[in-house]
PDB file of all heavy atoms in Angstrom:
ATOM      1  N   LEU A   1     -29.706   7.546   7.588  1.00  0.00           N
ATOM      2  CA  LEU A   1     -28.489   7.658   8.454  1.00  0.00           C
ATOM      3  C   LEU A   1     -27.795   6.424   8.425  1.00  0.00           C
ATOM      4  O   LEU A   1     -28.340   5.410   8.696  1.00  0.00           O
ATOM      5  CB  LEU A   1     -29.044   8.154   9.890  1.00  0.00           C
ATOM      6  CG  LEU A   1     -27.934   8.480  10.945  1.00  0.00           C
ATOM      7  CD1 LEU A   1     -27.258   9.706  10.509  1.00  0.00           C
ATOM      8  CD2 LEU A   1     -28.619   8.645  12.173  1.00  0.00           C
ATOM      9  N   LEU A   2     -26.504   6.424   8.269  1.00  0.00           N
ATOM     10  CA  LEU A   2     -25.516   5.363   8.382  1.00  0.00           C
ATOM     11  C   LEU A   2     -25.587   4.321   7.244  1.00  0.00           C
ATOM     12  O   LEU A   2     -25.009   3.350   7.205  1.00  0.00           O
ATOM     13  CB  LEU A   2     -25.676   4.538   9.715  1.00  0.00           C
ATOM     14  CG  LEU A   2     -25.410   5.414  10.887  1.00  0.00           C
ATOM     15  CD1 LEU A   2     -25.726   4.641  12.142  1.00  0.00           C
ATOM     16  CD2 LEU A   2     -23.980   5.981  10.944  1.00  0.00           C
ATOM     17  N   GLY A   3     -26.575   4.587   6.331  1.00  0.00           N
ATOM     18  CA  GLY A   3     -26.627   3.667   5.053  1.00  0.00           C
ATOM     19  C   GLY A   3     -27.167   2.299   5.129  1.00  0.00           C
ATOM     20  O   GLY A   3     -27.729   1.765   4.117  1.00  0.00           O
ATOM     21  N   SER A   4     -27.428   1.692   6.339  1.00  0.00           N
ATOM     22  CA  SER A   4     -28.173   0.449   6.379  1.00  0.00           C
ATOM     23  C   SER A   4     -28.644   0.241   7.855  1.00  0.00           C
ATOM     24  O   SER A   4     -28.114   0.746   8.715  1.00  0.00           O
ATOM     25  CB  SER A   4     -27.169  -0.749   6.086  1.00  0.00           C
ATOM     26  OG  SER A   4     -26.279  -1.004   7.070  1.00  0.00           O
ATOM     27  N   TRP A   5     -29.665  -0.632   7.910  1.00  0.00           N
ATOM     28  CA  TRP A   5     -30.257  -0.951   9.176  1.00  0.00           C
ATOM     29  C   TRP A   5     -29.248  -1.653  10.106  1.00  0.00           C
ATOM     30  O   TRP A   5     -29.345  -1.486  11.346  1.00  0.00           O
ATOM     31  CB  TRP A   5     -31.597  -1.732   8.974  1.00  0.00           C
ATOM     32  CG  TRP A   5     -32.596  -0.973   8.478  1.00  0.00           C
ATOM     33  CD1 TRP A   5     -33.121  -0.955   7.279  1.00  0.00           C
ATOM     34  CD2 TRP A   5     -33.359   0.213   9.186  1.00  0.00           C
ATOM     35  NE1 TRP A   5     -34.275  -0.010   7.153  1.00  0.00           N
ATOM     36  CE2 TRP A   5     -34.371   0.703   8.232  1.00  0.00           C
ATOM     37  CE3 TRP A   5     -33.231   0.762  10.473  1.00  0.00           C
ATOM     38  CZ2 TRP A   5     -35.104   1.737   8.675  1.00  0.00           C
ATOM     39  CZ3 TRP A   5     -34.152   1.799  10.830  1.00  0.00           C
ATOM     40  CH2 TRP A   5     -34.959   2.261   9.941  1.00  0.00           C
ATOM     41  N   ARG A   6     -28.440  -2.378   9.598  1.00  0.00           N
ATOM     42  CA  ARG A   6     -27.363  -3.131  10.319  1.00  0.00           C
ATOM     43  C   ARG A   6     -26.507  -2.186  11.142  1.00  0.00           C
ATOM     44  O   ARG A   6     -26.207  -2.317  12.205  1.00  0.00           O
ATOM     45  CB  ARG A   6     -26.540  -4.044   9.425  1.00  0.00           C
ATOM     46  CG  ARG A   6     -25.477  -4.880  10.098  1.00  0.00           C
ATOM     47  CD  ARG A   6     -24.679  -5.714   9.130  1.00  0.00           C
ATOM     48  NE  ARG A   6     -23.758  -6.337   9.917  1.00  0.00           N
ATOM     49  CZ  ARG A   6     -22.367  -5.990  10.019  1.00  0.00           C
ATOM     50  NH1 ARG A   6     -22.082  -4.730   9.519  1.00  0.00           N
ATOM     51  NH2 ARG A   6     -21.498  -6.616  10.610  1.00  0.00           N
ATOM     52  N   ASN A   7     -26.103  -1.139  10.369  1.00  0.00           N
ATOM     53  CA  ASN A   7     -25.295  -0.086  11.032  1.00  0.00           C
ATOM     54  C   ASN A   7     -26.004   0.629  12.212  1.00  0.00           C
ATOM     55  O   ASN A   7     -25.437   0.970  13.293  1.00  0.00           O
ATOM     56  CB  ASN A   7     -24.675   0.920   9.980  1.00  0.00           C
ATOM     57  CG  ASN A   7     -23.690   0.315   9.059  1.00  0.00           C
ATOM     58  OD1 ASN A   7     -23.263  -0.732   9.310  1.00  0.00           O
ATOM     59  ND2 ASN A   7     -23.606   0.930   7.845  1.00  0.00           N
ATOM     60  N   ILE A   8     -27.296   0.863  12.013  1.00  0.00           N
ATOM     61  CA  ILE A   8     -28.025   1.612  12.928  1.00  0.00           C
ATOM     62  C   ILE A   8     -28.200   0.638  14.190  1.00  0.00           C
ATOM     63  O   ILE A   8     -28.079   1.125  15.313  1.00  0.00           O
ATOM     64  CB  ILE A   8     -29.499   1.963  12.424  1.00  0.00           C
ATOM     65  CG1 ILE A   8     -29.294   3.094  11.339  1.00  0.00           C
ATOM     66  CG2 ILE A   8     -30.367   2.465  13.549  1.00  0.00           C
ATOM     67  CD1 ILE A   8     -30.515   3.458  10.731  1.00  0.00           C
ATOM     68  N   TYR A   9     -28.349  -0.663  14.047  1.00  0.00           N
ATOM     69  CA  TYR A   9     -28.520  -1.505  15.068  1.00  0.00           C
ATOM     70  C   TYR A   9     -27.158  -1.710  15.841  1.00  0.00           C
ATOM     71  O   TYR A   9     -27.155  -1.847  17.083  1.00  0.00           O
ATOM     72  CB  TYR A   9     -28.986  -3.037  14.625  1.00  0.00           C
ATOM     73  CG  TYR A   9     -30.380  -3.007  14.086  1.00  0.00           C
ATOM     74  CD1 TYR A   9     -30.739  -3.718  13.063  1.00  0.00           C
ATOM     75  CD2 TYR A   9     -31.483  -2.228  14.648  1.00  0.00           C
ATOM     76  CE1 TYR A   9     -31.928  -3.930  12.540  1.00  0.00           C
ATOM     77  CE2 TYR A   9     -32.702  -2.312  14.271  1.00  0.00           C
ATOM     78  CZ  TYR A   9     -32.991  -3.137  13.161  1.00  0.00           C
ATOM     79  OH  TYR A   9     -34.247  -3.167  12.680  1.00  0.00           O
ATOM     80  N   LEU A  10     -26.062  -1.685  15.100  1.00  0.00           N
ATOM     81  CA  LEU A  10     -24.903  -1.726  15.820  1.00  0.00           C
ATOM     82  C   LEU A  10     -24.509  -0.485  16.674  1.00  0.00           C
ATOM     83  O   LEU A  10     -23.985  -0.558  17.749  1.00  0.00           O
ATOM     84  CB  LEU A  10     -23.798  -1.894  14.804  1.00  0.00           C
ATOM     85  CG  LEU A  10     -23.612  -3.336  14.096  1.00  0.00           C
ATOM     86  CD1 LEU A  10     -22.533  -3.315  12.991  1.00  0.00           C
ATOM     87  CD2 LEU A  10     -23.362  -4.314  14.990  1.00  0.00           C
ATOM     88  N   VAL A  11     -24.863   0.667  16.166  1.00  0.00           N
ATOM     89  CA  VAL A  11     -24.727   1.837  16.956  1.00  0.00           C
ATOM     90  C   VAL A  11     -25.604   1.924  18.119  1.00  0.00           C
ATOM     91  O   VAL A  11     -25.097   2.198  19.367  1.00  0.00           O
ATOM     92  CB  VAL A  11     -25.084   3.034  16.046  1.00  0.00           C
ATOM     93  CG1 VAL A  11     -25.184   4.327  16.990  1.00  0.00           C
ATOM     94  CG2 VAL A  11     -24.021   3.322  14.941  1.00  0.00           C
ATOM     95  N   VAL A  12     -26.807   1.388  18.069  1.00  0.00           N
ATOM     96  CA  VAL A  12     -27.653   1.287  19.246  1.00  0.00           C
ATOM     97  C   VAL A  12     -27.200   0.379  20.216  1.00  0.00           C
ATOM     98  O   VAL A  12     -27.096   0.602  21.471  1.00  0.00           O
ATOM     99  CB  VAL A  12     -29.202   0.919  18.811  1.00  0.00           C
ATOM    100  CG1 VAL A  12     -30.019   0.544  20.047  1.00  0.00           C
ATOM    101  CG2 VAL A  12     -29.832   2.084  17.966  1.00  0.00           C
ATOM    102  N   LEU A  13     -26.694  -0.840  19.786  1.00  0.00           N
ATOM    103  CA  LEU A  13     -26.146  -1.831  20.760  1.00  0.00           C
ATOM    104  C   LEU A  13     -24.895  -1.354  21.342  1.00  0.00           C
ATOM    105  O   LEU A  13     -24.596  -1.462  22.602  1.00  0.00           O
ATOM    106  CB  LEU A  13     -25.864  -3.147  19.939  1.00  0.00           C
ATOM    107  CG  LEU A  13     -25.317  -4.270  20.803  1.00  0.00           C
ATOM    108  CD1 LEU A  13     -26.403  -4.805  21.730  1.00  0.00           C
ATOM    109  CD2 LEU A  13     -24.974  -5.458  19.839  1.00  0.00           C
ATOM    110  N   GLY A  14     -23.956  -0.755  20.675  1.00  0.00           N
ATOM    111  CA  GLY A  14     -22.703  -0.170  21.035  1.00  0.00           C
ATOM    112  C   GLY A  14     -23.007   0.962  22.197  1.00  0.00           C
ATOM    113  O   GLY A  14     -22.362   1.036  23.256  1.00  0.00           O
ATOM    114  N   THR A  15     -24.074   1.786  21.921  1.00  0.00           N
ATOM    115  CA  THR A  15     -24.449   2.801  22.919  1.00  0.00           C
ATOM    116  C   THR A  15     -24.918   2.165  24.189  1.00  0.00           C
ATOM    117  O   THR A  15     -24.601   2.581  25.224  1.00  0.00           O
ATOM    118  CB  THR A  15     -25.524   3.725  22.302  1.00  0.00           C
ATOM    119  OG1 THR A  15     -25.065   4.274  21.075  1.00  0.00           O
ATOM    120  CG2 THR A  15     -25.899   4.799  23.303  1.00  0.00           C
ATOM    121  N   PHE A  16     -25.879   1.014  24.047  1.00  0.00           N
ATOM    122  CA  PHE A  16     -26.333   0.294  25.230  1.00  0.00           C
ATOM    123  C   PHE A  16     -25.133  -0.257  26.061  1.00  0.00           C
ATOM    124  O   PHE A  16     -25.124  -0.021  27.279  1.00  0.00           O
ATOM    125  CB  PHE A  16     -27.228  -0.788  24.833  1.00  0.00           C
ATOM    126  CG  PHE A  16     -27.676  -1.687  25.947  1.00  0.00           C
ATOM    127  CD1 PHE A  16     -28.577  -1.218  26.828  1.00  0.00           C
ATOM    128  CD2 PHE A  16     -27.167  -3.018  26.059  1.00  0.00           C
ATOM    129  CE1 PHE A  16     -28.934  -2.102  28.014  1.00  0.00           C
ATOM    130  CE2 PHE A  16     -27.576  -3.773  26.913  1.00  0.00           C
ATOM    131  CZ  PHE A  16     -28.328  -3.265  28.024  1.00  0.00           C
ATOM    132  N   VAL A  17     -24.141  -0.756  25.362  1.00  0.00           N
ATOM    133  CA  VAL A  17     -23.018  -1.493  26.098  1.00  0.00           C
ATOM    134  C   VAL A  17     -22.169  -0.314  26.867  1.00  0.00           C
ATOM    135  O   VAL A  17     -21.784  -0.503  27.897  1.00  0.00           O
ATOM    136  CB  VAL A  17     -22.036  -2.206  25.125  1.00  0.00           C
ATOM    137  CG1 VAL A  17     -20.861  -2.702  25.807  1.00  0.00           C
ATOM    138  CG2 VAL A  17     -22.990  -3.502  24.586  1.00  0.00           C
ATOM    139  N   LEU A  18     -22.003   0.824  26.094  1.00  0.00           N
ATOM    140  CA  LEU A  18     -21.302   1.845  26.705  1.00  0.00           C
ATOM    141  C   LEU A  18     -21.956   2.463  27.971  1.00  0.00           C
ATOM    142  O   LEU A  18     -21.294   2.676  29.024  1.00  0.00           O
ATOM    143  CB  LEU A  18     -21.144   3.081  25.693  1.00  0.00           C
ATOM    144  CG  LEU A  18     -20.490   4.339  26.035  1.00  0.00           C
ATOM    145  CD1 LEU A  18     -18.854   3.843  26.348  1.00  0.00           C
ATOM    146  CD2 LEU A  18     -20.571   5.394  25.076  1.00  0.00           C
ATOM    147  N   PHE A  19     -23.341   2.556  27.936  1.00  0.00           N
ATOM    148  CA  PHE A  19     -24.032   3.087  29.151  1.00  0.00           C
ATOM    149  C   PHE A  19     -24.045   2.052  30.269  1.00  0.00           C
ATOM    150  O   PHE A  19     -23.826   2.407  31.319  1.00  0.00           O
ATOM    151  CB  PHE A  19     -25.432   3.411  28.712  1.00  0.00           C
ATOM    152  CG  PHE A  19     -25.740   4.641  28.173  1.00  0.00           C
ATOM    153  CD1 PHE A  19     -26.507   4.716  27.027  1.00  0.00           C
ATOM    154  CD2 PHE A  19     -25.187   5.827  28.664  1.00  0.00           C
ATOM    155  CE1 PHE A  19     -26.823   5.991  26.422  1.00  0.00           C
ATOM    156  CE2 PHE A  19     -25.370   7.086  28.030  1.00  0.00           C
ATOM    157  CZ  PHE A  19     -26.250   7.128  26.973  1.00  0.00           C
ATOM    158  N   VAL A  20     -24.147   0.744  29.980  1.00  0.00           N
ATOM    159  CA  VAL A  20     -24.028  -0.179  30.911  1.00  0.00           C
ATOM    160  C   VAL A  20     -22.615  -0.226  31.659  1.00  0.00           C
ATOM    161  O   VAL A  20     -22.537  -0.204  32.914  1.00  0.00           O
ATOM    162  CB  VAL A  20     -24.359  -1.674  30.347  1.00  0.00           C
ATOM    163  CG1 VAL A  20     -23.995  -2.658  31.383  1.00  0.00           C
ATOM    164  CG2 VAL A  20     -25.810  -1.717  30.043  1.00  0.00           C
ATOM    165  N   ALA A  21     -21.574  -0.113  30.851  1.00  0.00           N
ATOM    166  CA  ALA A  21     -20.188   0.020  31.465  1.00  0.00           C
ATOM    167  C   ALA A  21     -20.068   1.263  32.140  1.00  0.00           C
ATOM    168  O   ALA A  21     -19.455   1.224  33.312  1.00  0.00           O
ATOM    169  CB  ALA A  21     -19.172  -0.015  30.283  1.00  0.00           C
ATOM    170  N   LEU A  22     -20.609   2.274  31.778  1.00  0.00           N
ATOM    171  CA  LEU A  22     -20.515   3.650  32.437  1.00  0.00           C
ATOM    172  C   LEU A  22     -21.284   3.571  33.768  1.00  0.00           C
ATOM    173  O   LEU A  22     -20.683   3.988  34.852  1.00  0.00           O
ATOM    174  CB  LEU A  22     -21.003   4.882  31.641  1.00  0.00           C
ATOM    175  CG  LEU A  22     -21.094   6.087  32.248  1.00  0.00           C
ATOM    176  CD1 LEU A  22     -19.681   6.712  32.452  1.00  0.00           C
ATOM    177  CD2 LEU A  22     -21.979   7.101  31.414  1.00  0.00           C
ATOM    178  N   PHE A  23     -22.398   3.068  33.812  1.00  0.00           N
ATOM    179  CA  PHE A  23     -23.155   3.068  35.006  1.00  0.00           C
ATOM    180  C   PHE A  23     -22.630   1.991  35.991  1.00  0.00           C
ATOM    181  O   PHE A  23     -22.587   2.201  37.283  1.00  0.00           O
ATOM    182  CB  PHE A  23     -24.608   2.634  34.768  1.00  0.00           C
ATOM    183  CG  PHE A  23     -25.382   3.797  34.026  1.00  0.00           C
ATOM    184  CD1 PHE A  23     -26.436   3.501  33.043  1.00  0.00           C
ATOM    185  CD2 PHE A  23     -25.175   5.101  34.219  1.00  0.00           C
ATOM    186  CE1 PHE A  23     -27.026   4.452  32.382  1.00  0.00           C
ATOM    187  CE2 PHE A  23     -25.806   6.097  33.656  1.00  0.00           C
ATOM    188  CZ  PHE A  23     -26.715   5.759  32.714  1.00  0.00           C
ATOM    189  N   TRP A  24     -22.001   0.915  35.563  1.00  0.00           N
ATOM    190  CA  TRP A  24     -21.290  -0.106  36.420  1.00  0.00           C
ATOM    191  C   TRP A  24     -20.144   0.602  37.126  1.00  0.00           C
ATOM    192  O   TRP A  24     -19.879   0.422  38.221  1.00  0.00           O
ATOM    193  CB  TRP A  24     -20.929  -1.297  35.492  1.00  0.00           C
ATOM    194  CG  TRP A  24     -20.017  -2.220  36.369  1.00  0.00           C
ATOM    195  CD1 TRP A  24     -20.531  -3.086  37.356  1.00  0.00           C
ATOM    196  CD2 TRP A  24     -18.616  -2.256  36.413  1.00  0.00           C
ATOM    197  NE1 TRP A  24     -19.396  -3.765  37.858  1.00  0.00           N
ATOM    198  CE2 TRP A  24     -18.248  -3.263  37.400  1.00  0.00           C
ATOM    199  CE3 TRP A  24     -17.579  -1.592  35.709  1.00  0.00           C
ATOM    200  CZ2 TRP A  24     -16.987  -3.646  37.568  1.00  0.00           C
ATOM    201  CZ3 TRP A  24     -16.351  -1.906  35.965  1.00  0.00           C
ATOM    202  CH2 TRP A  24     -16.069  -2.848  36.883  1.00  0.00           C
ATOM    203  N   ALA A  25     -19.283   1.358  36.265  1.00  0.00           N
ATOM    204  CA  ALA A  25     -18.129   2.047  36.740  1.00  0.00           C
ATOM    205  C   ALA A  25     -18.565   3.047  37.756  1.00  0.00           C
ATOM    206  O   ALA A  25     -17.867   3.166  38.927  1.00  0.00           O
ATOM    207  CB  ALA A  25     -17.353   2.690  35.696  1.00  0.00           C
ATOM    208  N   LEU A  26     -19.541   3.810  37.532  1.00  0.00           N
ATOM    209  CA  LEU A  26     -20.052   4.709  38.502  1.00  0.00           C
ATOM    210  C   LEU A  26     -20.483   4.148  39.809  1.00  0.00           C
ATOM    211  O   LEU A  26     -20.200   4.687  41.031  1.00  0.00           O
ATOM    212  CB  LEU A  26     -21.108   5.674  37.929  1.00  0.00           C
ATOM    213  CG  LEU A  26     -20.639   6.611  37.000  1.00  0.00           C
ATOM    214  CD1 LEU A  26     -21.837   7.375  36.266  1.00  0.00           C
ATOM    215  CD2 LEU A  26     -19.771   7.705  37.575  1.00  0.00           C
ATOM    216  N   THR A  27     -21.225   3.027  39.677  1.00  0.00           N
ATOM    217  CA  THR A  27     -21.715   2.285  40.817  1.00  0.00           C
ATOM    218  C   THR A  27     -20.511   1.747  41.752  1.00  0.00           C
ATOM    219  O   THR A  27     -20.487   1.891  42.991  1.00  0.00           O
ATOM    220  CB  THR A  27     -22.678   1.231  40.376  1.00  0.00           C
ATOM    221  OG1 THR A  27     -23.647   1.590  39.724  1.00  0.00           O
ATOM    222  CG2 THR A  27     -23.114   0.373  41.709  1.00  0.00           C
ATOM    223  N   GLU A  28     -19.532   1.309  41.090  1.00  0.00           N
ATOM    224  CA  GLU A  28     -18.312   0.738  41.752  1.00  0.00           C
ATOM    225  C   GLU A  28     -17.555   1.844  42.309  1.00  0.00           C
ATOM    226  O   GLU A  28     -17.026   1.712  43.508  1.00  0.00           O
ATOM    227  CB  GLU A  28     -17.451   0.034  40.805  1.00  0.00           C
ATOM    228  CG  GLU A  28     -17.956  -1.437  40.306  1.00  0.00           C
ATOM    229  CD  GLU A  28     -18.107  -2.388  41.448  1.00  0.00           C
ATOM    230  OE1 GLU A  28     -17.089  -2.519  42.165  1.00  0.00           O
ATOM    231  OE2 GLU A  28     -19.180  -3.012  41.469  1.00  0.00           O
ATOM    232  N   ALA A  29     -17.418   3.014  41.747  1.00  0.00           N
ATOM    233  CA  ALA A  29     -16.696   4.174  42.249  1.00  0.00           C
ATOM    234  C   ALA A  29     -17.402   4.755  43.486  1.00  0.00           C
ATOM    235  O   ALA A  29     -16.693   5.280  44.418  1.00  0.00           O
ATOM    236  CB  ALA A  29     -16.569   5.284  41.187  1.00  0.00           C
TER     237      ALA A  29
END
């Protein structure tokens, strides 16, 4: 999937950042 381990790590990191931002926004709201 995604052709290289670097791409997989970037997707995992991006998903983590997205979840942190989403949960922060929900907490603030």
